[in-house]
């Protein structure tokens, strides 16, 4: 078990992180694990920058603040395109 897994286990989150059964392989569309927002409790700011980590952005379905009802492919593509625009803009 690596350091990250140990921290998750201590926080009681290892089963959630691995898909509920501790073995991984969830079949649904995961999102919202790295919530974007303007409030201090969000992980990613509106420019997709990870709070407290310089030079790191997240550009996938994990930044969606709420779970959506449909497929995540199209929104994830648009998030990636927006991230590319943000990176190119500096």
PDB file of N, CA and C in Angstrom:
ATOM      1  N   UNK A   1       0.851  -1.172   0.000  1.00  0.00           N
ATOM      2  CA  UNK A   1       0.000   0.000   0.000  1.00  0.00           C
ATOM      3  C   UNK A   1       0.902   1.241   0.000  1.00  0.00           C
ATOM      4  N   UNK A   2       0.645   2.150  -0.939  1.00  0.00           N
ATOM      5  CA  UNK A   2       1.464   3.360  -0.998  1.00  0.00           C
ATOM      6  C   UNK A   2       0.953   4.405  -0.007  1.00  0.00           C
ATOM      7  N   UNK A   3       1.677   5.520   0.104  1.00  0.00           N
ATOM      8  CA  UNK A   3       1.358   6.574   1.075  1.00  0.00           C
ATOM      9  C   UNK A   3      -0.052   7.130   0.869  1.00  0.00           C
ATOM     10  N   UNK A   4      -0.442   7.364  -0.402  1.00  0.00           N
ATOM     11  CA  UNK A   4      -1.773   7.885  -0.685  1.00  0.00           C
ATOM     12  C   UNK A   4      -2.864   6.937  -0.232  1.00  0.00           C
ATOM     13  N   UNK A   5      -2.682   5.647  -0.523  1.00  0.00           N
ATOM     14  CA  UNK A   5      -3.663   4.662  -0.096  1.00  0.00           C
ATOM     15  C   UNK A   5      -3.734   4.585   1.427  1.00  0.00           C
ATOM     16  N   UNK A   6      -2.589   4.697   2.088  1.00  0.00           N
ATOM     17  CA  UNK A   6      -2.566   4.665   3.554  1.00  0.00           C
ATOM     18  C   UNK A   6      -3.350   5.839   4.131  1.00  0.00           C
ATOM     19  N   UNK A   7      -3.166   7.031   3.556  1.00  0.00           N
ATOM     20  CA  UNK A   7      -3.906   8.203   4.030  1.00  0.00           C
ATOM     21  C   UNK A   7      -5.401   8.036   3.801  1.00  0.00           C
ATOM     22  N   UNK A   8      -5.785   7.495   2.635  1.00  0.00           N
ATOM     23  CA  UNK A   8      -7.198   7.245   2.358  1.00  0.00           C
ATOM     24  C   UNK A   8      -7.778   6.227   3.336  1.00  0.00           C
ATOM     25  N   UNK A   9      -7.018   5.188   3.628  1.00  0.00           N
ATOM     26  CA  UNK A   9      -7.485   4.164   4.561  1.00  0.00           C
ATOM     27  C   UNK A   9      -7.702   4.761   5.937  1.00  0.00           C
ATOM     28  N   UNK A  10      -6.753   5.576   6.393  1.00  0.00           N
ATOM     29  CA  UNK A  10      -6.880   6.216   7.698  1.00  0.00           C
ATOM     30  C   UNK A  10      -8.076   7.150   7.745  1.00  0.00           C
ATOM     31  N   UNK A  11      -8.409   7.753   6.614  1.00  0.00           N
ATOM     32  CA  UNK A  11      -9.561   8.657   6.560  1.00  0.00           C
ATOM     33  C   UNK A  11     -10.869   7.892   6.343  1.00  0.00           C
ATOM     34  N   UNK A  12     -10.804   6.577   6.198  1.00  0.00           N
ATOM     35  CA  UNK A  12     -11.995   5.772   5.977  1.00  0.00           C
ATOM     36  C   UNK A  12     -12.533   5.875   4.565  1.00  0.00           C
ATOM     37  N   UNK A  13     -11.708   6.334   3.618  1.00  0.00           N
ATOM     38  CA  UNK A  13     -12.181   6.577   2.264  1.00  0.00           C
ATOM     39  C   UNK A  13     -11.683   5.552   1.261  1.00  0.00           C
ATOM     40  N   UNK A  14     -10.900   4.589   1.665  1.00  0.00           N
ATOM     41  CA  UNK A  14     -10.288   3.667   0.705  1.00  0.00           C
ATOM     42  C   UNK A  14     -11.337   2.875  -0.071  1.00  0.00           C
ATOM     43  N   UNK A  15     -12.432   2.479   0.562  1.00  0.00           N
ATOM     44  CA  UNK A  15     -13.454   1.732  -0.163  1.00  0.00           C
ATOM     45  C   UNK A  15     -14.137   2.603  -1.205  1.00  0.00           C
ATOM     46  N   UNK A  16     -14.400   3.845  -0.871  1.00  0.00           N
ATOM     47  CA  UNK A  16     -15.019   4.757  -1.835  1.00  0.00           C
ATOM     48  C   UNK A  16     -14.069   4.977  -3.003  1.00  0.00           C
ATOM     49  N   UNK A  17     -12.798   5.235  -2.716  1.00  0.00           N
ATOM     50  CA  UNK A  17     -11.800   5.507  -3.745  1.00  0.00           C
ATOM     51  C   UNK A  17     -11.649   4.325  -4.692  1.00  0.00           C
ATOM     52  N   UNK A  18     -11.762   3.124  -4.171  1.00  0.00           N
ATOM     53  CA  UNK A  18     -11.585   1.929  -4.984  1.00  0.00           C
ATOM     54  C   UNK A  18     -12.892   1.374  -5.519  1.00  0.00           C
ATOM     55  N   UNK A  19     -13.980   2.069  -5.337  1.00  0.00           N
ATOM     56  CA  UNK A  19     -15.234   1.629  -5.928  1.00  0.00           C
ATOM     57  C   UNK A  19     -16.166   0.885  -4.989  1.00  0.00           C
ATOM     58  N   UNK A  20     -16.007   1.038  -3.700  1.00  0.00           N
ATOM     59  CA  UNK A  20     -16.951   0.476  -2.752  1.00  0.00           C
ATOM     60  C   UNK A  20     -16.611  -0.913  -2.269  1.00  0.00           C
ATOM     61  N   UNK A  21     -16.044  -1.760  -3.104  1.00  0.00           N
ATOM     62  CA  UNK A  21     -15.742  -3.123  -2.682  1.00  0.00           C
ATOM     63  C   UNK A  21     -14.259  -3.325  -2.382  1.00  0.00           C
ATOM     64  N   UNK A  22     -13.469  -2.259  -2.483  1.00  0.00           N
ATOM     65  CA  UNK A  22     -12.046  -2.363  -2.196  1.00  0.00           C
ATOM     66  C   UNK A  22     -11.224  -2.955  -3.318  1.00  0.00           C
ATOM     67  N   UNK A  23     -11.854  -3.294  -4.449  1.00  0.00           N
ATOM     68  CA  UNK A  23     -11.141  -3.935  -5.549  1.00  0.00           C
ATOM     69  C   UNK A  23     -11.093  -3.094  -6.813  1.00  0.00           C
ATOM     70  N   UNK A  24     -11.770  -1.974  -6.833  1.00  0.00           N
ATOM     71  CA  UNK A  24     -11.775  -1.123  -8.022  1.00  0.00           C
ATOM     72  C   UNK A  24     -12.715  -1.639  -9.078  1.00  0.00           C
ATOM     73  N   UNK A  25     -12.617  -1.041 -10.275  1.00  0.00           N
ATOM     74  CA  UNK A  25     -13.396  -1.503 -11.397  1.00  0.00           C
ATOM     75  C   UNK A  25     -14.844  -1.043 -11.400  1.00  0.00           C
ATOM     76  N   UNK A  26     -15.095   0.158 -10.949  1.00  0.00           N
ATOM     77  CA  UNK A  26     -16.476   0.641 -10.968  1.00  0.00           C
ATOM     78  C   UNK A  26     -16.947   0.793 -12.400  1.00  0.00           C
ATOM     79  N   UNK A  27     -18.233   0.559 -12.639  1.00  0.00           N
ATOM     80  CA  UNK A  27     -18.756   0.581 -13.986  1.00  0.00           C
ATOM     81  C   UNK A  27     -19.463   1.859 -14.375  1.00  0.00           C
ATOM     82  N   UNK A  28     -19.673   2.760 -13.451  1.00  0.00           N
ATOM     83  CA  UNK A  28     -20.387   3.981 -13.796  1.00  0.00           C
ATOM     84  C   UNK A  28     -19.413   5.106 -14.150  1.00  0.00           C
ATOM     85  N   UNK A  29     -19.963   6.241 -14.501  1.00  0.00           N
ATOM     86  CA  UNK A  29     -19.148   7.370 -14.935  1.00  0.00           C
ATOM     87  C   UNK A  29     -18.757   8.209 -13.727  1.00  0.00           C
ATOM     88  N   UNK A  30     -17.526   8.073 -13.300  1.00  0.00           N
ATOM     89  CA  UNK A  30     -17.061   8.802 -12.123  1.00  0.00           C
ATOM     90  C   UNK A  30     -16.832  10.266 -12.455  1.00  0.00           C
ATOM     91  N   UNK A  31     -17.305  11.133 -11.583  1.00  0.00           N
ATOM     92  CA  UNK A  31     -17.027  12.557 -11.708  1.00  0.00           C
ATOM     93  C   UNK A  31     -17.261  13.220 -10.364  1.00  0.00           C
ATOM     94  N   UNK A  32     -16.820  14.468 -10.247  1.00  0.00           N
ATOM     95  CA  UNK A  32     -17.034  15.218  -9.028  1.00  0.00           C
ATOM     96  C   UNK A  32     -16.077  14.903  -7.900  1.00  0.00           C
ATOM     97  N   UNK A  33     -14.991  14.202  -8.165  1.00  0.00           N
ATOM     98  CA  UNK A  33     -14.051  13.839  -7.107  1.00  0.00           C
ATOM     99  C   UNK A  33     -13.035  14.927  -6.823  1.00  0.00           C
ATOM    100  N   UNK A  34     -12.999  15.950  -7.646  1.00  0.00           N
ATOM    101  CA  UNK A  34     -12.019  17.030  -7.524  1.00  0.00           C
ATOM    102  C   UNK A  34     -12.747  18.349  -7.839  1.00  0.00           C
ATOM    103  N   UNK A  35     -13.786  18.631  -7.071  1.00  0.00           N
ATOM    104  CA  UNK A  35     -14.754  19.683  -7.364  1.00  0.00           C
ATOM    105  C   UNK A  35     -14.140  21.045  -7.655  1.00  0.00           C
ATOM    106  N   UNK A  36     -14.655  21.681  -8.717  1.00  0.00           N
ATOM    107  CA  UNK A  36     -14.257  23.034  -9.089  1.00  0.00           C
ATOM    108  C   UNK A  36     -15.214  24.019  -8.437  1.00  0.00           C
ATOM    109  N   UNK A  37     -14.677  25.155  -8.002  1.00  0.00           N
ATOM    110  CA  UNK A  37     -15.513  26.203  -7.426  1.00  0.00           C
ATOM    111  C   UNK A  37     -14.685  27.377  -6.971  1.00  0.00           C
ATOM    112  N   UNK A  38     -15.384  28.396  -6.500  1.00  0.00           N
ATOM    113  CA  UNK A  38     -14.712  29.603  -6.009  1.00  0.00           C
ATOM    114  C   UNK A  38     -14.544  29.592  -4.496  1.00  0.00           C
ATOM    115  N   UNK A  39     -15.184  28.669  -3.830  1.00  0.00           N
ATOM    116  CA  UNK A  39     -15.117  28.609  -2.369  1.00  0.00           C
ATOM    117  C   UNK A  39     -13.840  27.901  -1.918  1.00  0.00           C
ATOM    118  N   UNK A  40     -13.410  28.142  -0.689  1.00  0.00           N
ATOM    119  CA  UNK A  40     -12.149  27.548  -0.199  1.00  0.00           C
ATOM    120  C   UNK A  40     -12.167  26.025  -0.099  1.00  0.00           C
ATOM    121  N   UNK A  41     -13.342  25.400  -0.038  1.00  0.00           N
ATOM    122  CA  UNK A  41     -13.382  23.945   0.092  1.00  0.00           C
ATOM    123  C   UNK A  41     -13.304  23.223  -1.255  1.00  0.00           C
ATOM    124  N   UNK A  42     -13.341  23.970  -2.360  1.00  0.00           N
ATOM    125  CA  UNK A  42     -13.212  23.325  -3.669  1.00  0.00           C
ATOM    126  C   UNK A  42     -11.742  22.999  -3.935  1.00  0.00           C
ATOM    127  N   UNK A  43     -11.518  21.934  -4.657  1.00  0.00           N
ATOM    128  CA  UNK A  43     -10.154  21.465  -4.940  1.00  0.00           C
ATOM    129  C   UNK A  43      -9.524  22.252  -6.087  1.00  0.00           C
ATOM    130  N   UNK A  44     -10.351  22.604  -7.076  1.00  0.00           N
ATOM    131  CA  UNK A  44      -9.877  23.260  -8.291  1.00  0.00           C
ATOM    132  C   UNK A  44     -10.574  24.615  -8.427  1.00  0.00           C
ATOM    133  N   UNK A  45      -9.828  25.642  -8.798  1.00  0.00           N
ATOM    134  CA  UNK A  45     -10.435  26.965  -8.996  1.00  0.00           C
ATOM    135  C   UNK A  45     -11.043  27.054 -10.400  1.00  0.00           C
ATOM    136  N   UNK A  46     -11.769  28.130 -10.721  1.00  0.00           N
ATOM    137  CA  UNK A  46     -12.416  28.229 -12.040  1.00  0.00           C
ATOM    138  C   UNK A  46     -11.457  28.223 -13.236  1.00  0.00           C
ATOM    139  N   UNK A  47     -10.157  28.417 -13.000  1.00  0.00           N
ATOM    140  CA  UNK A  47      -9.170  28.318 -14.074  1.00  0.00           C
ATOM    141  C   UNK A  47      -8.548  26.924 -14.127  1.00  0.00           C
ATOM    142  N   UNK A  48      -9.183  25.975 -13.419  1.00  0.00           N
ATOM    143  CA  UNK A  48      -8.786  24.559 -13.385  1.00  0.00           C
ATOM    144  C   UNK A  48      -7.466  24.310 -12.660  1.00  0.00           C
ATOM    145  N   UNK A  49      -7.003  25.283 -11.872  1.00  0.00           N
ATOM    146  CA  UNK A  49      -5.761  25.123 -11.111  1.00  0.00           C
ATOM    147  C   UNK A  49      -6.051  24.450  -9.775  1.00  0.00           C
ATOM    148  N   UNK A  50      -5.217  23.480  -9.416  1.00  0.00           N
ATOM    149  CA  UNK A  50      -5.375  22.801  -8.133  1.00  0.00           C
ATOM    150  C   UNK A  50      -4.891  23.746  -7.037  1.00  0.00           C
ATOM    151  N   UNK A  51      -5.756  23.976  -6.059  1.00  0.00           N
ATOM    152  CA  UNK A  51      -5.411  24.884  -4.962  1.00  0.00           C
ATOM    153  C   UNK A  51      -4.232  24.332  -4.168  1.00  0.00           C
ATOM    154  N   UNK A  52      -3.234  25.162  -3.945  1.00  0.00           N
ATOM    155  CA  UNK A  52      -2.081  24.781  -3.149  1.00  0.00           C
ATOM    156  C   UNK A  52      -0.999  24.021  -3.891  1.00  0.00           C
ATOM    157  N   UNK A  53      -1.176  23.778  -5.189  1.00  0.00           N
ATOM    158  CA  UNK A  53      -0.170  23.066  -5.979  1.00  0.00           C
ATOM    159  C   UNK A  53       0.133  23.907  -7.219  1.00  0.00           C
ATOM    160  N   UNK A  54       1.307  24.496  -7.242  1.00  0.00           N
ATOM    161  CA  UNK A  54       1.675  25.366  -8.351  1.00  0.00           C
ATOM    162  C   UNK A  54       1.927  24.571  -9.625  1.00  0.00           C
ATOM    163  N   UNK A  55       1.362  25.038 -10.748  1.00  0.00           N
ATOM    164  CA  UNK A  55       1.620  24.443 -12.053  1.00  0.00           C
ATOM    165  C   UNK A  55       0.803  23.202 -12.379  1.00  0.00           C
ATOM    166  N   UNK A  56      -0.220  22.891 -11.583  1.00  0.00           N
ATOM    167  CA  UNK A  56      -1.027  21.697 -11.833  1.00  0.00           C
ATOM    168  C   UNK A  56      -2.480  22.091 -12.080  1.00  0.00           C
ATOM    169  N   UNK A  57      -3.031  21.599 -13.180  1.00  0.00           N
ATOM    170  CA  UNK A  57      -4.442  21.800 -13.500  1.00  0.00           C
ATOM    171  C   UNK A  57      -5.093  20.441 -13.663  1.00  0.00           C
ATOM    172  N   UNK A  58      -6.388  20.394 -13.430  1.00  0.00           N
ATOM    173  CA  UNK A  58      -7.165  19.179 -13.649  1.00  0.00           C
ATOM    174  C   UNK A  58      -8.141  19.471 -14.768  1.00  0.00           C
ATOM    175  N   UNK A  59      -8.163  18.617 -15.771  1.00  0.00           N
ATOM    176  CA  UNK A  59      -9.014  18.848 -16.942  1.00  0.00           C
ATOM    177  C   UNK A  59      -9.746  17.574 -17.335  1.00  0.00           C
ATOM    178  N   UNK A  60     -10.609  17.098 -16.446  1.00  0.00           N
ATOM    179  CA  UNK A  60     -11.425  15.931 -16.756  1.00  0.00           C
ATOM    180  C   UNK A  60     -12.744  16.011 -15.993  1.00  0.00           C
ATOM    181  N   UNK A  61     -13.534  14.964 -16.038  1.00  0.00           N
ATOM    182  CA  UNK A  61     -14.865  14.977 -15.422  1.00  0.00           C
ATOM    183  C   UNK A  61     -14.828  15.096 -13.903  1.00  0.00           C
ATOM    184  N   UNK A  62     -13.674  14.911 -13.299  1.00  0.00           N
ATOM    185  CA  UNK A  62     -13.602  14.995 -11.842  1.00  0.00           C
ATOM    186  C   UNK A  62     -13.871  16.404 -11.321  1.00  0.00           C
ATOM    187  N   UNK A  63     -13.723  17.433 -12.163  1.00  0.00           N
ATOM    188  CA  UNK A  63     -13.945  18.804 -11.688  1.00  0.00           C
ATOM    189  C   UNK A  63     -15.412  19.205 -11.649  1.00  0.00           C
ATOM    190  N   UNK A  64     -16.291  18.395 -12.235  1.00  0.00           N
ATOM    191  CA  UNK A  64     -17.715  18.742 -12.240  1.00  0.00           C
ATOM    192  C   UNK A  64     -18.223  18.812 -10.797  1.00  0.00           C
ATOM    193  N   UNK A  65     -18.807  19.945 -10.407  1.00  0.00           N
ATOM    194  CA  UNK A  65     -19.217  20.101  -9.014  1.00  0.00           C
ATOM    195  C   UNK A  65     -20.367  19.184  -8.597  1.00  0.00           C
ATOM    196  N   UNK A  66     -21.171  18.734  -9.540  1.00  0.00           N
ATOM    197  CA  UNK A  66     -22.290  17.841  -9.244  1.00  0.00           C
ATOM    198  C   UNK A  66     -22.309  16.699 -10.266  1.00  0.00           C
ATOM    199  N   UNK A  67     -22.811  15.566  -9.844  1.00  0.00           N
ATOM    200  CA  UNK A  67     -22.919  14.417 -10.738  1.00  0.00           C
ATOM    201  C   UNK A  67     -24.014  14.715 -11.767  1.00  0.00           C
ATOM    202  N   UNK A  68     -23.694  14.465 -13.032  1.00  0.00           N
ATOM    203  CA  UNK A  68     -24.675  14.710 -14.085  1.00  0.00           C
ATOM    204  C   UNK A  68     -25.458  13.436 -14.361  1.00  0.00           C
ATOM    205  N   UNK A  69     -26.588  13.564 -15.041  1.00  0.00           N
ATOM    206  CA  UNK A  69     -27.447  12.412 -15.310  1.00  0.00           C
ATOM    207  C   UNK A  69     -27.038  11.655 -16.561  1.00  0.00           C
ATOM    208  N   UNK A  70     -26.321  12.288 -17.454  1.00  0.00           N
ATOM    209  CA  UNK A  70     -25.980  11.645 -18.717  1.00  0.00           C
ATOM    210  C   UNK A  70     -24.533  11.199 -18.782  1.00  0.00           C
ATOM    211  N   UNK A  71     -24.123  10.868 -19.991  1.00  0.00           N
ATOM    212  CA  UNK A  71     -22.731  10.466 -20.219  1.00  0.00           C
ATOM    213  C   UNK A  71     -21.795  11.645 -19.962  1.00  0.00           C
ATOM    214  N   UNK A  72     -20.585  11.345 -19.581  1.00  0.00           N
ATOM    215  CA  UNK A  72     -19.613  12.391 -19.249  1.00  0.00           C
ATOM    216  C   UNK A  72     -18.640  12.684 -20.382  1.00  0.00           C
ATOM    217  N   UNK A  73     -18.731  11.958 -21.491  1.00  0.00           N
ATOM    218  CA  UNK A  73     -17.746  12.124 -22.565  1.00  0.00           C
ATOM    219  C   UNK A  73     -17.736  13.544 -23.138  1.00  0.00           C
ATOM    220  N   UNK A  74     -18.871  14.028 -23.608  1.00  0.00           N
ATOM    221  CA  UNK A  74     -18.918  15.356 -24.240  1.00  0.00           C
ATOM    222  C   UNK A  74     -18.514  16.466 -23.266  1.00  0.00           C
ATOM    223  N   UNK A  75     -19.030  16.472 -22.032  1.00  0.00           N
ATOM    224  CA  UNK A  75     -18.569  17.505 -21.095  1.00  0.00           C
ATOM    225  C   UNK A  75     -17.068  17.414 -20.819  1.00  0.00           C
ATOM    226  N   UNK A  76     -16.528  16.195 -20.739  1.00  0.00           N
ATOM    227  CA  UNK A  76     -15.096  16.040 -20.481  1.00  0.00           C
ATOM    228  C   UNK A  76     -14.261  16.583 -21.642  1.00  0.00           C
ATOM    229  N   UNK A  77     -14.730  16.370 -22.873  1.00  0.00           N
ATOM    230  CA  UNK A  77     -14.029  16.922 -24.043  1.00  0.00           C
ATOM    231  C   UNK A  77     -14.033  18.447 -23.980  1.00  0.00           C
ATOM    232  N   UNK A  78     -15.170  19.031 -23.644  1.00  0.00           N
ATOM    233  CA  UNK A  78     -15.254  20.490 -23.549  1.00  0.00           C
ATOM    234  C   UNK A  78     -14.385  21.036 -22.422  1.00  0.00           C
ATOM    235  N   UNK A  79     -14.322  20.326 -21.306  1.00  0.00           N
ATOM    236  CA  UNK A  79     -13.437  20.734 -20.210  1.00  0.00           C
ATOM    237  C   UNK A  79     -11.988  20.723 -20.692  1.00  0.00           C
ATOM    238  N   UNK A  80     -11.608  19.698 -21.442  1.00  0.00           N
ATOM    239  CA  UNK A  80     -10.245  19.619 -21.983  1.00  0.00           C
ATOM    240  C   UNK A  80      -9.949  20.758 -22.938  1.00  0.00           C
ATOM    241  N   UNK A  81     -10.920  21.095 -23.774  1.00  0.00           N
ATOM    242  CA  UNK A  81     -10.713  22.206 -24.709  1.00  0.00           C
ATOM    243  C   UNK A  81     -10.578  23.528 -23.952  1.00  0.00           C
ATOM    244  N   UNK A  82     -11.386  23.724 -22.939  1.00  0.00           N
ATOM    245  CA  UNK A  82     -11.286  24.947 -22.123  1.00  0.00           C
ATOM    246  C   UNK A  82      -9.932  24.994 -21.414  1.00  0.00           C
ATOM    247  N   UNK A  83      -9.471  23.865 -20.922  1.00  0.00           N
ATOM    248  CA  UNK A  83      -8.156  23.805 -20.263  1.00  0.00           C
ATOM    249  C   UNK A  83      -7.057  24.188 -21.229  1.00  0.00           C
ATOM    250  N   UNK A  84      -7.139  23.707 -22.469  1.00  0.00           N
ATOM    251  CA  UNK A  84      -6.139  24.072 -23.476  1.00  0.00           C
ATOM    252  C   UNK A  84      -6.130  25.575 -23.710  1.00  0.00           C
ATOM    253  N   UNK A  85      -7.322  26.180 -23.785  1.00  0.00           N
ATOM    254  CA  UNK A  85      -7.404  27.639 -23.946  1.00  0.00           C
ATOM    255  C   UNK A  85      -6.765  28.363 -22.769  1.00  0.00           C
ATOM    256  N   UNK A  86      -7.031  27.874 -21.537  1.00  0.00           N
ATOM    257  CA  UNK A  86      -6.465  28.514 -20.344  1.00  0.00           C
ATOM    258  C   UNK A  86      -4.935  28.413 -20.317  1.00  0.00           C
ATOM    259  N   UNK A  87      -4.427  27.242 -20.686  1.00  0.00           N
ATOM    260  CA  UNK A  87      -2.971  27.038 -20.684  1.00  0.00           C
ATOM    261  C   UNK A  87      -2.322  27.953 -21.742  1.00  0.00           C
ATOM    262  N   UNK A  88      -2.902  27.997 -22.935  1.00  0.00           N
ATOM    263  CA  UNK A  88      -2.335  28.830 -24.001  1.00  0.00           C
ATOM    264  C   UNK A  88      -2.409  30.326 -23.673  1.00  0.00           C
ATOM    265  N   UNK A  89      -3.443  30.720 -22.927  1.00  0.00           N
ATOM    266  CA  UNK A  89      -3.583  32.131 -22.534  1.00  0.00           C
ATOM    267  C   UNK A  89      -2.595  32.524 -21.454  1.00  0.00           C
ATOM    268  N   UNK A  90      -1.990  31.534 -20.801  1.00  0.00           N
ATOM    269  CA  UNK A  90      -0.966  31.814 -19.795  1.00  0.00           C
ATOM    270  C   UNK A  90      -1.555  31.807 -18.459  1.00  0.00           C
TER     271      UNK A  90
END
